Amino acid sequence: MERETPPLWKDETGAIRVGNSRVLLETVIRAFQDGASPESIVHRYSTLSLSDVYNTIGYYLRHQNAVEAYLNQREQIAELVQQRLSSIQPDMSLIRSRLLSQQNQ
């Protein structure tokens, strides 16, 4: 038997993708953690193959600490990006209230 490597690859931003798709590792793992079967994950993300999803879940189950560390790191990056965007974008509630007041006149 031949040993298989997980169907994971790192893109130019450092995000880990599954198989020949652009689907993120965290998308597959979070769906699995939420109770989705590999078949339903493939149904949601048609660019994934069933074997790649099973292999990815197997890799996660064998390397849970490393994958969880990666997922936590990705969540921290997402929070930083959200904070940065919030600081750049204007407060939409003020704009929304102005538009509503104009409509009521």
N, C-alpha and C. Protein backbone atom coordinates (compact mmCIF):
# COMPACT_ATOMS: atom_id res chain seq x y z
N MET A 1 0.85 -1.18 0.00
CA MET A 1 0.00 0.00 0.00
C MET A 1 0.88 1.23 0.00
N GLU A 2 0.38 2.25 -0.61
CA GLU A 2 1.14 3.49 -0.67
C GLU A 2 0.57 4.51 0.31
N ARG A 3 1.45 5.25 0.90
CA ARG A 3 1.05 6.27 1.88
C ARG A 3 0.58 7.53 1.14
N GLU A 4 -0.56 8.06 1.55
CA GLU A 4 -1.10 9.25 0.91
C GLU A 4 -0.83 10.48 1.74
N THR A 5 -0.54 11.56 1.05
CA THR A 5 -0.43 12.84 1.74
C THR A 5 -1.80 13.49 1.72
N PRO A 6 -2.09 14.33 2.71
CA PRO A 6 -3.42 14.97 2.72
C PRO A 6 -3.58 15.87 1.50
N PRO A 7 -4.80 15.99 1.00
CA PRO A 7 -5.05 16.79 -0.21
C PRO A 7 -5.15 18.28 0.12
N LEU A 8 -4.12 18.79 0.77
CA LEU A 8 -4.13 20.18 1.22
C LEU A 8 -3.01 20.95 0.54
N TRP A 9 -3.27 22.22 0.23
CA TRP A 9 -2.24 23.07 -0.37
C TRP A 9 -2.40 24.49 0.15
N LYS A 10 -1.28 25.17 0.23
CA LYS A 10 -1.26 26.54 0.74
C LYS A 10 -1.27 27.51 -0.43
N ASP A 11 -2.21 28.45 -0.40
CA ASP A 11 -2.28 29.44 -1.48
C ASP A 11 -1.31 30.60 -1.22
N GLU A 12 -1.33 31.58 -2.10
CA GLU A 12 -0.38 32.70 -2.02
C GLU A 12 -0.57 33.55 -0.77
N THR A 13 -1.73 33.47 -0.12
CA THR A 13 -1.97 34.24 1.10
C THR A 13 -1.64 33.46 2.36
N GLY A 14 -1.31 32.18 2.20
CA GLY A 14 -1.02 31.33 3.35
C GLY A 14 -2.22 30.53 3.83
N ALA A 15 -3.36 30.69 3.18
CA ALA A 15 -4.54 29.92 3.54
C ALA A 15 -4.42 28.51 2.99
N ILE A 16 -4.90 27.54 3.74
CA ILE A 16 -4.84 26.15 3.30
C ILE A 16 -6.14 25.79 2.61
N ARG A 17 -6.02 25.24 1.40
CA ARG A 17 -7.16 24.85 0.56
C ARG A 17 -7.22 23.33 0.46
N VAL A 18 -8.38 22.82 0.08
CA VAL A 18 -8.61 21.37 0.02
C VAL A 18 -8.70 20.91 -1.43
N GLY A 19 -7.94 19.86 -1.74
CA GLY A 19 -7.99 19.24 -3.06
C GLY A 19 -7.64 20.21 -4.17
N ASN A 20 -8.31 20.05 -5.30
CA ASN A 20 -8.10 20.93 -6.45
C ASN A 20 -9.07 22.10 -6.44
N SER A 21 -9.54 22.46 -5.26
CA SER A 21 -10.54 23.51 -5.13
C SER A 21 -9.95 24.73 -4.42
N ARG A 22 -10.76 25.74 -4.29
CA ARG A 22 -10.39 26.93 -3.52
C ARG A 22 -11.08 26.91 -2.16
N VAL A 23 -11.72 25.80 -1.80
CA VAL A 23 -12.43 25.68 -0.53
C VAL A 23 -11.40 25.62 0.59
N LEU A 24 -11.62 26.44 1.61
CA LEU A 24 -10.69 26.53 2.73
C LEU A 24 -10.79 25.32 3.66
N LEU A 25 -9.67 24.96 4.24
CA LEU A 25 -9.63 23.88 5.23
C LEU A 25 -10.62 24.15 6.35
N GLU A 26 -10.65 25.40 6.83
CA GLU A 26 -11.55 25.72 7.95
C GLU A 26 -13.02 25.53 7.57
N THR A 27 -13.36 25.71 6.33
CA THR A 27 -14.74 25.51 5.88
C THR A 27 -15.13 24.04 6.02
N VAL A 28 -14.24 23.16 5.58
CA VAL A 28 -14.52 21.72 5.66
C VAL A 28 -14.55 21.26 7.11
N ILE A 29 -13.57 21.67 7.90
CA ILE A 29 -13.49 21.21 9.29
C ILE A 29 -14.64 21.76 10.12
N ARG A 30 -14.98 23.03 9.96
CA ARG A 30 -16.09 23.60 10.74
C ARG A 30 -17.42 22.93 10.36
N ALA A 31 -17.60 22.62 9.09
CA ALA A 31 -18.82 21.91 8.67
C ALA A 31 -18.86 20.54 9.32
N PHE A 32 -17.72 19.84 9.33
CA PHE A 32 -17.64 18.52 9.97
C PHE A 32 -17.93 18.64 11.47
N GLN A 33 -17.36 19.64 12.12
CA GLN A 33 -17.58 19.84 13.55
C GLN A 33 -19.04 20.17 13.85
N ASP A 34 -19.71 20.79 12.90
CA ASP A 34 -21.13 21.12 13.06
C ASP A 34 -22.04 19.94 12.76
N GLY A 35 -21.45 18.78 12.43
CA GLY A 35 -22.23 17.57 12.22
C GLY A 35 -22.49 17.20 10.77
N ALA A 36 -21.92 17.95 9.83
CA ALA A 36 -22.13 17.63 8.42
C ALA A 36 -21.35 16.37 8.05
N SER A 37 -21.95 15.54 7.24
CA SER A 37 -21.26 14.35 6.74
C SER A 37 -20.36 14.75 5.58
N PRO A 38 -19.37 13.95 5.27
CA PRO A 38 -18.54 14.25 4.09
C PRO A 38 -19.38 14.41 2.82
N GLU A 39 -20.41 13.58 2.68
CA GLU A 39 -21.26 13.67 1.50
C GLU A 39 -21.99 15.01 1.43
N SER A 40 -22.48 15.49 2.57
CA SER A 40 -23.19 16.77 2.56
C SER A 40 -22.23 17.94 2.34
N ILE A 41 -20.99 17.81 2.79
CA ILE A 41 -19.99 18.85 2.54
C ILE A 41 -19.71 18.94 1.05
N VAL A 42 -19.57 17.79 0.40
CA VAL A 42 -19.35 17.77 -1.06
C VAL A 42 -20.57 18.33 -1.78
N HIS A 43 -21.75 18.04 -1.26
CA HIS A 43 -22.97 18.58 -1.88
C HIS A 43 -22.98 20.11 -1.79
N ARG A 44 -22.53 20.66 -0.66
CA ARG A 44 -22.48 22.13 -0.48
C ARG A 44 -21.41 22.77 -1.36
N TYR A 45 -20.28 22.09 -1.49
CA TYR A 45 -19.12 22.63 -2.22
C TYR A 45 -18.76 21.66 -3.34
N SER A 46 -19.38 21.84 -4.47
CA SER A 46 -19.29 20.87 -5.55
C SER A 46 -17.90 20.75 -6.17
N THR A 47 -17.00 21.69 -5.88
CA THR A 47 -15.64 21.58 -6.42
C THR A 47 -14.78 20.61 -5.61
N LEU A 48 -15.30 20.14 -4.48
CA LEU A 48 -14.58 19.16 -3.67
C LEU A 48 -14.91 17.75 -4.13
N SER A 49 -13.94 16.86 -3.97
CA SER A 49 -14.23 15.44 -4.22
C SER A 49 -14.47 14.77 -2.88
N LEU A 50 -15.26 13.72 -2.91
CA LEU A 50 -15.59 13.00 -1.69
C LEU A 50 -14.33 12.42 -1.04
N SER A 51 -13.43 11.88 -1.85
CA SER A 51 -12.21 11.30 -1.28
C SER A 51 -11.35 12.38 -0.62
N ASP A 52 -11.30 13.58 -1.20
CA ASP A 52 -10.53 14.67 -0.59
C ASP A 52 -11.12 15.09 0.75
N VAL A 53 -12.44 15.11 0.84
CA VAL A 53 -13.09 15.49 2.09
C VAL A 53 -12.82 14.43 3.16
N TYR A 54 -12.96 13.15 2.80
CA TYR A 54 -12.67 12.09 3.76
C TYR A 54 -11.20 12.15 4.21
N ASN A 55 -10.29 12.34 3.26
CA ASN A 55 -8.87 12.43 3.62
C ASN A 55 -8.59 13.63 4.51
N THR A 56 -9.24 14.74 4.24
CA THR A 56 -9.04 15.95 5.05
C THR A 56 -9.55 15.74 6.47
N ILE A 57 -10.72 15.14 6.59
CA ILE A 57 -11.27 14.86 7.92
C ILE A 57 -10.38 13.87 8.66
N GLY A 58 -9.90 12.85 7.96
CA GLY A 58 -8.98 11.89 8.58
C GLY A 58 -7.71 12.57 9.06
N TYR A 59 -7.18 13.46 8.25
CA TYR A 59 -5.98 14.21 8.64
C TYR A 59 -6.28 15.04 9.89
N TYR A 60 -7.42 15.70 9.90
CA TYR A 60 -7.81 16.50 11.06
C TYR A 60 -7.90 15.63 12.31
N LEU A 61 -8.52 14.47 12.20
CA LEU A 61 -8.69 13.60 13.37
C LEU A 61 -7.35 13.07 13.88
N ARG A 62 -6.38 12.87 12.99
CA ARG A 62 -5.05 12.39 13.40
C ARG A 62 -4.15 13.52 13.90
N HIS A 63 -4.44 14.77 13.51
CA HIS A 63 -3.59 15.91 13.85
C HIS A 63 -4.41 17.06 14.42
N GLN A 64 -5.33 16.73 15.32
CA GLN A 64 -6.28 17.71 15.81
C GLN A 64 -5.61 18.94 16.42
N ASN A 65 -4.59 18.76 17.23
CA ASN A 65 -3.95 19.90 17.88
C ASN A 65 -3.36 20.87 16.86
N ALA A 66 -2.68 20.35 15.86
CA ALA A 66 -2.06 21.21 14.85
C ALA A 66 -3.12 21.92 14.01
N VAL A 67 -4.17 21.19 13.64
CA VAL A 67 -5.21 21.80 12.82
C VAL A 67 -5.98 22.84 13.64
N GLU A 68 -6.28 22.56 14.89
CA GLU A 68 -6.97 23.53 15.74
C GLU A 68 -6.12 24.79 15.94
N ALA A 69 -4.82 24.62 16.07
CA ALA A 69 -3.93 25.79 16.19
C ALA A 69 -4.00 26.64 14.93
N TYR A 70 -4.00 25.99 13.77
CA TYR A 70 -4.13 26.70 12.50
C TYR A 70 -5.48 27.42 12.43
N LEU A 71 -6.57 26.73 12.80
CA LEU A 71 -7.90 27.33 12.75
C LEU A 71 -8.00 28.54 13.68
N ASN A 72 -7.42 28.43 14.87
CA ASN A 72 -7.41 29.56 15.80
C ASN A 72 -6.64 30.74 15.23
N GLN A 73 -5.53 30.45 14.60
CA GLN A 73 -4.74 31.51 13.97
C GLN A 73 -5.54 32.20 12.87
N ARG A 74 -6.25 31.43 12.06
CA ARG A 74 -7.08 32.00 10.99
C ARG A 74 -8.21 32.86 11.55
N GLU A 75 -8.79 32.43 12.69
CA GLU A 75 -9.85 33.22 13.32
C GLU A 75 -9.30 34.55 13.85
N GLN A 76 -8.09 34.52 14.40
CA GLN A 76 -7.46 35.76 14.88
C GLN A 76 -7.20 36.71 13.72
N ILE A 77 -6.73 36.18 12.61
CA ILE A 77 -6.49 37.02 11.42
C ILE A 77 -7.81 37.62 10.94
N ALA A 78 -8.85 36.83 10.91
CA ALA A 78 -10.16 37.32 10.46
C ALA A 78 -10.67 38.44 11.38
N GLU A 79 -10.47 38.29 12.68
CA GLU A 79 -10.88 39.33 13.63
C GLU A 79 -10.10 40.62 13.40
N LEU A 80 -8.79 40.50 13.17
CA LEU A 80 -7.98 41.68 12.90
C LEU A 80 -8.43 42.39 11.62
N VAL A 81 -8.73 41.63 10.60
CA VAL A 81 -9.21 42.21 9.34
C VAL A 81 -10.55 42.92 9.58
N GLN A 82 -11.45 42.29 10.34
CA GLN A 82 -12.75 42.89 10.64
C GLN A 82 -12.58 44.19 11.41
N GLN A 83 -11.68 44.21 12.38
CA GLN A 83 -11.43 45.43 13.15
C GLN A 83 -10.87 46.53 12.25
N ARG A 84 -9.97 46.15 11.38
CA ARG A 84 -9.37 47.12 10.46
C ARG A 84 -10.42 47.71 9.53
N LEU A 85 -11.28 46.84 8.98
CA LEU A 85 -12.34 47.32 8.10
C LEU A 85 -13.31 48.23 8.84
N SER A 86 -13.63 47.87 10.08
CA SER A 86 -14.54 48.69 10.87
C SER A 86 -13.96 50.07 11.14
N SER A 87 -12.66 50.14 11.32
CA SER A 87 -12.03 51.43 11.59
C SER A 87 -11.94 52.29 10.34
N ILE A 88 -11.96 51.68 9.17
CA ILE A 88 -11.85 52.41 7.91
C ILE A 88 -13.22 52.88 7.42
N GLN A 89 -14.22 52.02 7.58
CA GLN A 89 -15.55 52.31 7.05
C GLN A 89 -16.30 53.25 7.98
N PRO A 90 -17.13 54.12 7.41
CA PRO A 90 -17.91 55.03 8.25
C PRO A 90 -18.98 54.27 9.01
N ASP A 91 -19.49 54.90 10.03
CA ASP A 91 -20.57 54.32 10.82
C ASP A 91 -21.84 54.32 9.97
N MET A 92 -22.28 53.16 9.56
CA MET A 92 -23.42 53.04 8.65
C MET A 92 -24.73 53.41 9.33
N SER A 93 -24.81 53.34 10.64
CA SER A 93 -26.07 53.67 11.31
C SER A 93 -26.41 55.14 11.13
N LEU A 94 -25.42 56.02 11.12
CA LEU A 94 -25.65 57.44 10.90
C LEU A 94 -26.17 57.68 9.49
N ILE A 95 -25.55 57.05 8.52
CA ILE A 95 -25.98 57.18 7.12
C ILE A 95 -27.39 56.62 6.95
N ARG A 96 -27.65 55.48 7.56
CA ARG A 96 -28.96 54.84 7.47
C ARG A 96 -30.04 55.74 8.07
N SER A 97 -29.77 56.34 9.22
CA SER A 97 -30.78 57.20 9.84
C SER A 97 -31.04 58.44 9.00
N ARG A 98 -30.03 59.00 8.36
CA ARG A 98 -30.22 60.15 7.48
C ARG A 98 -31.09 59.78 6.28
N LEU A 99 -30.83 58.62 5.70
CA LEU A 99 -31.64 58.18 4.56
C LEU A 99 -33.10 57.95 4.96
N LEU A 100 -33.30 57.37 6.12
CA LEU A 100 -34.67 57.12 6.59
C LEU A 100 -35.39 58.43 6.87
N SER A 101 -34.70 59.39 7.43
CA SER A 101 -35.34 60.68 7.72
C SER A 101 -35.70 61.40 6.43
N GLN A 102 -34.89 61.25 5.41
CA GLN A 102 -35.18 61.87 4.12
C GLN A 102 -36.40 61.22 3.46
N GLN A 103 -36.55 59.91 3.64
CA GLN A 103 -37.68 59.20 3.05
C GLN A 103 -38.99 59.60 3.74
N ASN A 104 -38.92 59.91 5.02
CA ASN A 104 -40.12 60.25 5.78
C ASN A 104 -40.57 61.70 5.56
N GLN A 105 -39.79 62.48 4.88
CA GLN A 105 -40.16 63.89 4.65
C GLN A 105 -41.02 64.06 3.46
